[in-house]
């Protein structure tokens, strides 16, 4: 019995043996991967700045005690 794919190639006289590129049907698209990497890098930078204290902290925006003390 013949292979249906080979039989089809014989009917179209396409004997190059190269199938057309149909693209990936599974996985993420390239733009999704790029956006995901950018988001991960931004989160990583934010965490590093918070841990080291270089970028200030979330407490910088909270009012403290009035200057001059009691």
PDB file of N, CA and C in Angstrom:
ATOM      1  N   UNK A   1       0.853  -1.173   0.000  1.00  0.00           N
ATOM      2  CA  UNK A   1       0.000   0.000   0.000  1.00  0.00           C
ATOM      3  C   UNK A   1       0.900   1.237   0.000  1.00  0.00           C
ATOM      4  N   UNK A   2       0.510   2.251  -0.719  1.00  0.00           N
ATOM      5  CA  UNK A   2       1.344   3.446  -0.829  1.00  0.00           C
ATOM      6  C   UNK A   2       0.977   4.454   0.246  1.00  0.00           C
ATOM      7  N   UNK A   3       1.948   5.293   0.575  1.00  0.00           N
ATOM      8  CA  UNK A   3       1.742   6.359   1.555  1.00  0.00           C
ATOM      9  C   UNK A   3       0.888   7.447   0.902  1.00  0.00           C
ATOM     10  N   UNK A   4      -0.225   7.878   1.530  1.00  0.00           N
ATOM     11  CA  UNK A   4      -1.084   8.885   0.919  1.00  0.00           C
ATOM     12  C   UNK A   4      -0.348  10.197   0.630  1.00  0.00           C
ATOM     13  N   UNK A   5       0.590  10.586   1.477  1.00  0.00           N
ATOM     14  CA  UNK A   5       1.313  11.835   1.245  1.00  0.00           C
ATOM     15  C   UNK A   5       2.181  11.717   0.002  1.00  0.00           C
ATOM     16  N   UNK A   6       2.847  10.583  -0.156  1.00  0.00           N
ATOM     17  CA  UNK A   6       3.686  10.396  -1.343  1.00  0.00           C
ATOM     18  C   UNK A   6       2.822  10.276  -2.592  1.00  0.00           C
ATOM     19  N   UNK A   7       1.692   9.619  -2.455  1.00  0.00           N
ATOM     20  CA  UNK A   7       0.798   9.483  -3.584  1.00  0.00           C
ATOM     21  C   UNK A   7       0.310  10.860  -4.032  1.00  0.00           C
ATOM     22  N   UNK A   8       0.023  11.740  -3.086  1.00  0.00           N
ATOM     23  CA  UNK A   8      -0.433  13.091  -3.406  1.00  0.00           C
ATOM     24  C   UNK A   8       0.671  13.855  -4.133  1.00  0.00           C
ATOM     25  N   UNK A   9       1.928  13.719  -3.680  1.00  0.00           N
ATOM     26  CA  UNK A   9       3.046  14.396  -4.331  1.00  0.00           C
ATOM     27  C   UNK A   9       3.210  13.904  -5.764  1.00  0.00           C
ATOM     28  N   UNK A  10       2.971  12.623  -5.976  1.00  0.00           N
ATOM     29  CA  UNK A  10       3.104  12.076  -7.319  1.00  0.00           C
ATOM     30  C   UNK A  10       2.028  12.644  -8.233  1.00  0.00           C
ATOM     31  N   UNK A  11       0.845  12.900  -7.683  1.00  0.00           N
ATOM     32  CA  UNK A  11      -0.228  13.449  -8.506  1.00  0.00           C
ATOM     33  C   UNK A  11       0.059  14.880  -8.921  1.00  0.00           C
ATOM     34  N   UNK A  12       0.743  15.639  -8.077  1.00  0.00           N
ATOM     35  CA  UNK A  12       1.005  17.048  -8.396  1.00  0.00           C
ATOM     36  C   UNK A  12       2.332  17.212  -9.115  1.00  0.00           C
ATOM     37  N   UNK A  13       3.046  16.113  -9.326  1.00  0.00           N
ATOM     38  CA  UNK A  13       4.351  16.119  -9.983  1.00  0.00           C
ATOM     39  C   UNK A  13       5.354  16.971  -9.212  1.00  0.00           C
ATOM     40  N   UNK A  14       5.197  17.028  -7.916  1.00  0.00           N
ATOM     41  CA  UNK A  14       6.129  17.748  -7.052  1.00  0.00           C
ATOM     42  C   UNK A  14       7.077  16.728  -6.457  1.00  0.00           C
ATOM     43  N   UNK A  15       8.195  16.509  -7.131  1.00  0.00           N
ATOM     44  CA  UNK A  15       9.116  15.488  -6.680  1.00  0.00           C
ATOM     45  C   UNK A  15      10.323  16.071  -5.950  1.00  0.00           C
ATOM     46  N   UNK A  16      10.213  17.306  -5.465  1.00  0.00           N
ATOM     47  CA  UNK A  16      11.332  17.909  -4.745  1.00  0.00           C
ATOM     48  C   UNK A  16      11.473  17.305  -3.363  1.00  0.00           C
ATOM     49  N   UNK A  17      10.408  16.755  -2.801  1.00  0.00           N
ATOM     50  CA  UNK A  17      10.465  16.173  -1.473  1.00  0.00           C
ATOM     51  C   UNK A  17      10.370  17.207  -0.366  1.00  0.00           C
ATOM     52  N   UNK A  18      10.167  18.453  -0.730  1.00  0.00           N
ATOM     53  CA  UNK A  18      10.079  19.519   0.261  1.00  0.00           C
ATOM     54  C   UNK A  18       8.621  19.904   0.425  1.00  0.00           C
ATOM     55  N   UNK A  19       8.167  19.844   1.662  1.00  0.00           N
ATOM     56  CA  UNK A  19       6.789  20.222   1.934  1.00  0.00           C
ATOM     57  C   UNK A  19       6.704  21.726   2.189  1.00  0.00           C
ATOM     58  N   UNK A  20       5.579  22.341   1.893  1.00  0.00           N
ATOM     59  CA  UNK A  20       5.440  23.765   2.159  1.00  0.00           C
ATOM     60  C   UNK A  20       5.491  24.045   3.662  1.00  0.00           C
ATOM     61  N   UNK A  21       6.042  25.201   4.005  1.00  0.00           N
ATOM     62  CA  UNK A  21       6.147  25.591   5.408  1.00  0.00           C
ATOM     63  C   UNK A  21       4.777  26.023   5.888  1.00  0.00           C
ATOM     64  N   UNK A  22       4.213  25.268   6.802  1.00  0.00           N
ATOM     65  CA  UNK A  22       2.888  25.572   7.315  1.00  0.00           C
ATOM     66  C   UNK A  22       2.950  26.371   8.608  1.00  0.00           C
ATOM     67  N   UNK A  23       4.136  26.619   9.153  1.00  0.00           N
ATOM     68  CA  UNK A  23       4.265  27.378  10.393  1.00  0.00           C
ATOM     69  C   UNK A  23       3.943  26.513  11.604  1.00  0.00           C
ATOM     70  N   UNK A  24       4.278  27.053  12.773  1.00  0.00           N
ATOM     71  CA  UNK A  24       3.990  26.330  14.006  1.00  0.00           C
ATOM     72  C   UNK A  24       2.524  26.503  14.374  1.00  0.00           C
ATOM     73  N   UNK A  25       1.946  25.427  14.845  1.00  0.00           N
ATOM     74  CA  UNK A  25       0.548  25.505  15.254  1.00  0.00           C
ATOM     75  C   UNK A  25       0.411  25.448  16.768  1.00  0.00           C
ATOM     76  N   UNK A  26       1.526  25.222  17.467  1.00  0.00           N
ATOM     77  CA  UNK A  26       1.480  25.165  18.917  1.00  0.00           C
ATOM     78  C   UNK A  26       2.485  26.140  19.491  1.00  0.00           C
ATOM     79  N   UNK A  27       2.325  26.465  20.763  1.00  0.00           N
ATOM     80  CA  UNK A  27       3.267  27.352  21.424  1.00  0.00           C
ATOM     81  C   UNK A  27       2.842  28.807  21.313  1.00  0.00           C
ATOM     82  N   UNK A  28       3.712  29.668  21.799  1.00  0.00           N
ATOM     83  CA  UNK A  28       3.434  31.095  21.815  1.00  0.00           C
ATOM     84  C   UNK A  28       3.983  31.767  20.565  1.00  0.00           C
ATOM     85  N   UNK A  29       3.334  32.844  20.171  1.00  0.00           N
ATOM     86  CA  UNK A  29       3.823  33.632  19.057  1.00  0.00           C
ATOM     87  C   UNK A  29       5.051  34.423  19.498  1.00  0.00           C
ATOM     88  N   UNK A  30       5.837  34.889  18.539  1.00  0.00           N
ATOM     89  CA  UNK A  30       7.052  35.627  18.847  1.00  0.00           C
ATOM     90  C   UNK A  30       6.757  36.887  19.648  1.00  0.00           C
ATOM     91  N   UNK A  31       5.693  37.625  19.302  1.00  0.00           N
ATOM     92  CA  UNK A  31       5.402  38.867  20.015  1.00  0.00           C
ATOM     93  C   UNK A  31       4.999  38.588  21.455  1.00  0.00           C
ATOM     94  N   UNK A  32       4.372  37.442  21.710  1.00  0.00           N
ATOM     95  CA  UNK A  32       4.007  37.083  23.077  1.00  0.00           C
ATOM     96  C   UNK A  32       5.254  36.775  23.902  1.00  0.00           C
ATOM     97  N   UNK A  33       6.222  36.113  23.300  1.00  0.00           N
ATOM     98  CA  UNK A  33       7.462  35.822  23.999  1.00  0.00           C
ATOM     99  C   UNK A  33       8.210  37.105  24.323  1.00  0.00           C
ATOM    100  N   UNK A  34       8.272  38.038  23.370  1.00  0.00           N
ATOM    101  CA  UNK A  34       8.991  39.299  23.582  1.00  0.00           C
ATOM    102  C   UNK A  34       8.341  40.104  24.700  1.00  0.00           C
ATOM    103  N   UNK A  35       7.028  40.220  24.685  1.00  0.00           N
ATOM    104  CA  UNK A  35       6.327  40.966  25.741  1.00  0.00           C
ATOM    105  C   UNK A  35       6.528  40.283  27.090  1.00  0.00           C
ATOM    106  N   UNK A  36       6.481  38.980  27.133  1.00  0.00           N
ATOM    107  CA  UNK A  36       6.701  38.249  28.375  1.00  0.00           C
ATOM    108  C   UNK A  36       8.094  38.490  28.940  1.00  0.00           C
ATOM    109  N   UNK A  37       9.106  38.493  28.084  1.00  0.00           N
ATOM    110  CA  UNK A  37      10.472  38.741  28.535  1.00  0.00           C
ATOM    111  C   UNK A  37      10.615  40.164  29.062  1.00  0.00           C
ATOM    112  N   UNK A  38      10.004  41.136  28.370  1.00  0.00           N
ATOM    113  CA  UNK A  38      10.068  42.528  28.818  1.00  0.00           C
ATOM    114  C   UNK A  38       9.411  42.680  30.182  1.00  0.00           C
ATOM    115  N   UNK A  39       8.258  42.072  30.364  1.00  0.00           N
ATOM    116  CA  UNK A  39       7.554  42.156  31.652  1.00  0.00           C
ATOM    117  C   UNK A  39       8.387  41.517  32.762  1.00  0.00           C
ATOM    118  N   UNK A  40       8.984  40.363  32.494  1.00  0.00           N
ATOM    119  CA  UNK A  40       9.813  39.704  33.503  1.00  0.00           C
ATOM    120  C   UNK A  40      11.021  40.555  33.877  1.00  0.00           C
ATOM    121  N   UNK A  41      11.646  41.189  32.893  1.00  0.00           N
ATOM    122  CA  UNK A  41      12.799  42.045  33.176  1.00  0.00           C
ATOM    123  C   UNK A  41      12.377  43.244  34.022  1.00  0.00           C
ATOM    124  N   UNK A  42      11.246  43.861  33.699  1.00  0.00           N
ATOM    125  CA  UNK A  42      10.772  45.010  34.485  1.00  0.00           C
ATOM    126  C   UNK A  42      10.455  44.607  35.928  1.00  0.00           C
ATOM    127  N   UNK A  43       9.836  43.458  36.106  1.00  0.00           N
ATOM    128  CA  UNK A  43       9.541  42.973  37.461  1.00  0.00           C
ATOM    129  C   UNK A  43      10.835  42.705  38.209  1.00  0.00           C
ATOM    130  N   UNK A  44      11.800  42.093  37.548  1.00  0.00           N
ATOM    131  CA  UNK A  44      13.080  41.803  38.185  1.00  0.00           C
ATOM    132  C   UNK A  44      13.795  43.086  38.598  1.00  0.00           C
ATOM    133  N   UNK A  45      13.798  44.096  37.742  1.00  0.00           N
ATOM    134  CA  UNK A  45      14.421  45.384  38.079  1.00  0.00           C
ATOM    135  C   UNK A  45      13.702  46.019  39.265  1.00  0.00           C
ATOM    136  N   UNK A  46      12.392  45.998  39.281  1.00  0.00           N
ATOM    137  CA  UNK A  46      11.625  46.570  40.382  1.00  0.00           C
ATOM    138  C   UNK A  46      11.955  45.874  41.701  1.00  0.00           C
ATOM    139  N   UNK A  47      12.019  44.548  41.695  1.00  0.00           N
ATOM    140  CA  UNK A  47      12.319  43.798  42.912  1.00  0.00           C
ATOM    141  C   UNK A  47      13.734  44.112  43.397  1.00  0.00           C
ATOM    142  N   UNK A  48      14.680  44.169  42.484  1.00  0.00           N
ATOM    143  CA  UNK A  48      16.063  44.469  42.871  1.00  0.00           C
ATOM    144  C   UNK A  48      16.151  45.867  43.478  1.00  0.00           C
ATOM    145  N   UNK A  49      15.465  46.841  42.881  1.00  0.00           N
ATOM    146  CA  UNK A  49      15.489  48.197  43.423  1.00  0.00           C
ATOM    147  C   UNK A  49      14.829  48.264  44.798  1.00  0.00           C
ATOM    148  N   UNK A  50      13.778  47.520  45.019  1.00  0.00           N
ATOM    149  CA  UNK A  50      13.110  47.524  46.315  1.00  0.00           C
ATOM    150  C   UNK A  50      13.968  46.856  47.386  1.00  0.00           C
ATOM    151  N   UNK A  51      14.622  45.769  47.029  1.00  0.00           N
ATOM    152  CA  UNK A  51      15.434  45.041  48.002  1.00  0.00           C
ATOM    153  C   UNK A  51      16.676  45.839  48.379  1.00  0.00           C
ATOM    154  N   UNK A  52      17.321  46.462  47.403  1.00  0.00           N
ATOM    155  CA  UNK A  52      18.546  47.208  47.676  1.00  0.00           C
ATOM    156  C   UNK A  52      18.276  48.583  48.248  1.00  0.00           C
ATOM    157  N   UNK A  53      17.085  49.109  48.056  1.00  0.00           N
ATOM    158  CA  UNK A  53      16.755  50.436  48.566  1.00  0.00           C
ATOM    159  C   UNK A  53      17.240  51.552  47.673  1.00  0.00           C
ATOM    160  N   UNK A  54      17.808  51.239  46.542  1.00  0.00           N
ATOM    161  CA  UNK A  54      18.335  52.254  45.631  1.00  0.00           C
ATOM    162  C   UNK A  54      17.207  53.081  45.036  1.00  0.00           C
ATOM    163  N   UNK A  55      16.137  52.465  44.692  1.00  0.00           N
ATOM    164  CA  UNK A  55      15.045  53.167  44.031  1.00  0.00           C
ATOM    165  C   UNK A  55      14.060  53.770  45.006  1.00  0.00           C
ATOM    166  N   UNK A  56      14.431  53.904  46.254  1.00  0.00           N
ATOM    167  CA  UNK A  56      13.474  54.371  47.244  1.00  0.00           C
ATOM    168  C   UNK A  56      12.568  53.220  47.617  1.00  0.00           C
ATOM    169  N   UNK A  57      11.720  53.462  48.547  1.00  0.00           N
ATOM    170  CA  UNK A  57      10.818  52.397  48.962  1.00  0.00           C
ATOM    171  C   UNK A  57       9.387  52.852  48.835  1.00  0.00           C
ATOM    172  N   UNK A  58       8.493  51.932  49.036  1.00  0.00           N
ATOM    173  CA  UNK A  58       7.086  52.310  48.989  1.00  0.00           C
ATOM    174  C   UNK A  58       6.742  53.219  50.156  1.00  0.00           C
ATOM    175  N   UNK A  59       7.526  53.182  51.232  1.00  0.00           N
ATOM    176  CA  UNK A  59       7.294  54.016  52.399  1.00  0.00           C
ATOM    177  C   UNK A  59       7.730  55.459  52.214  1.00  0.00           C
ATOM    178  N   UNK A  60       8.396  55.772  51.117  1.00  0.00           N
ATOM    179  CA  UNK A  60       8.824  57.149  50.870  1.00  0.00           C
ATOM    180  C   UNK A  60       7.645  58.087  50.678  1.00  0.00           C
ATOM    181  N   UNK A  61       6.505  57.568  50.335  1.00  0.00           N
ATOM    182  CA  UNK A  61       5.336  58.410  50.054  1.00  0.00           C
ATOM    183  C   UNK A  61       4.394  58.496  51.247  1.00  0.00           C
ATOM    184  N   UNK A  62       4.734  57.862  52.340  1.00  0.00           N
ATOM    185  CA  UNK A  62       3.899  57.885  53.544  1.00  0.00           C
ATOM    186  C   UNK A  62       4.395  59.016  54.435  1.00  0.00           C
ATOM    187  N   UNK A  63       3.491  59.909  54.850  1.00  0.00           N
ATOM    188  CA  UNK A  63       3.943  61.012  55.690  1.00  0.00           C
ATOM    189  C   UNK A  63       4.453  60.508  57.037  1.00  0.00           C
ATOM    190  N   UNK A  64       5.536  61.067  57.483  1.00  0.00           N
ATOM    191  CA  UNK A  64       6.132  60.675  58.752  1.00  0.00           C
ATOM    192  C   UNK A  64       5.752  61.668  59.841  1.00  0.00           C
ATOM    193  N   UNK A  65       6.429  61.595  60.967  1.00  0.00           N
ATOM    194  CA  UNK A  65       6.142  62.545  62.047  1.00  0.00           C
ATOM    195  C   UNK A  65       6.586  63.951  61.634  1.00  0.00           C
ATOM    196  N   UNK A  66       5.959  64.949  62.191  1.00  0.00           N
ATOM    197  CA  UNK A  66       6.333  66.326  61.835  1.00  0.00           C
ATOM    198  C   UNK A  66       7.773  66.625  62.247  1.00  0.00           C
ATOM    199  N   UNK A  67       8.469  67.444  61.488  1.00  0.00           N
ATOM    200  CA  UNK A  67       9.846  67.774  61.839  1.00  0.00           C
ATOM    201  C   UNK A  67       9.920  68.545  63.154  1.00  0.00           C
ATOM    202  N   UNK A  68      10.999  68.403  63.879  1.00  0.00           N
ATOM    203  CA  UNK A  68      11.190  69.129  65.122  1.00  0.00           C
ATOM    204  C   UNK A  68      10.893  68.320  66.354  1.00  0.00           C
ATOM    205  N   UNK A  69      10.193  67.233  66.221  1.00  0.00           N
ATOM    206  CA  UNK A  69       9.911  66.366  67.355  1.00  0.00           C
ATOM    207  C   UNK A  69       8.948  66.995  68.346  1.00  0.00           C
ATOM    208  N   UNK A  70       8.985  66.520  69.634  1.00  0.00           N
ATOM    209  CA  UNK A  70       8.051  66.993  70.659  1.00  0.00           C
ATOM    210  C   UNK A  70       8.699  68.029  71.495  1.00  0.00           C
TER     211      UNK A  70
END
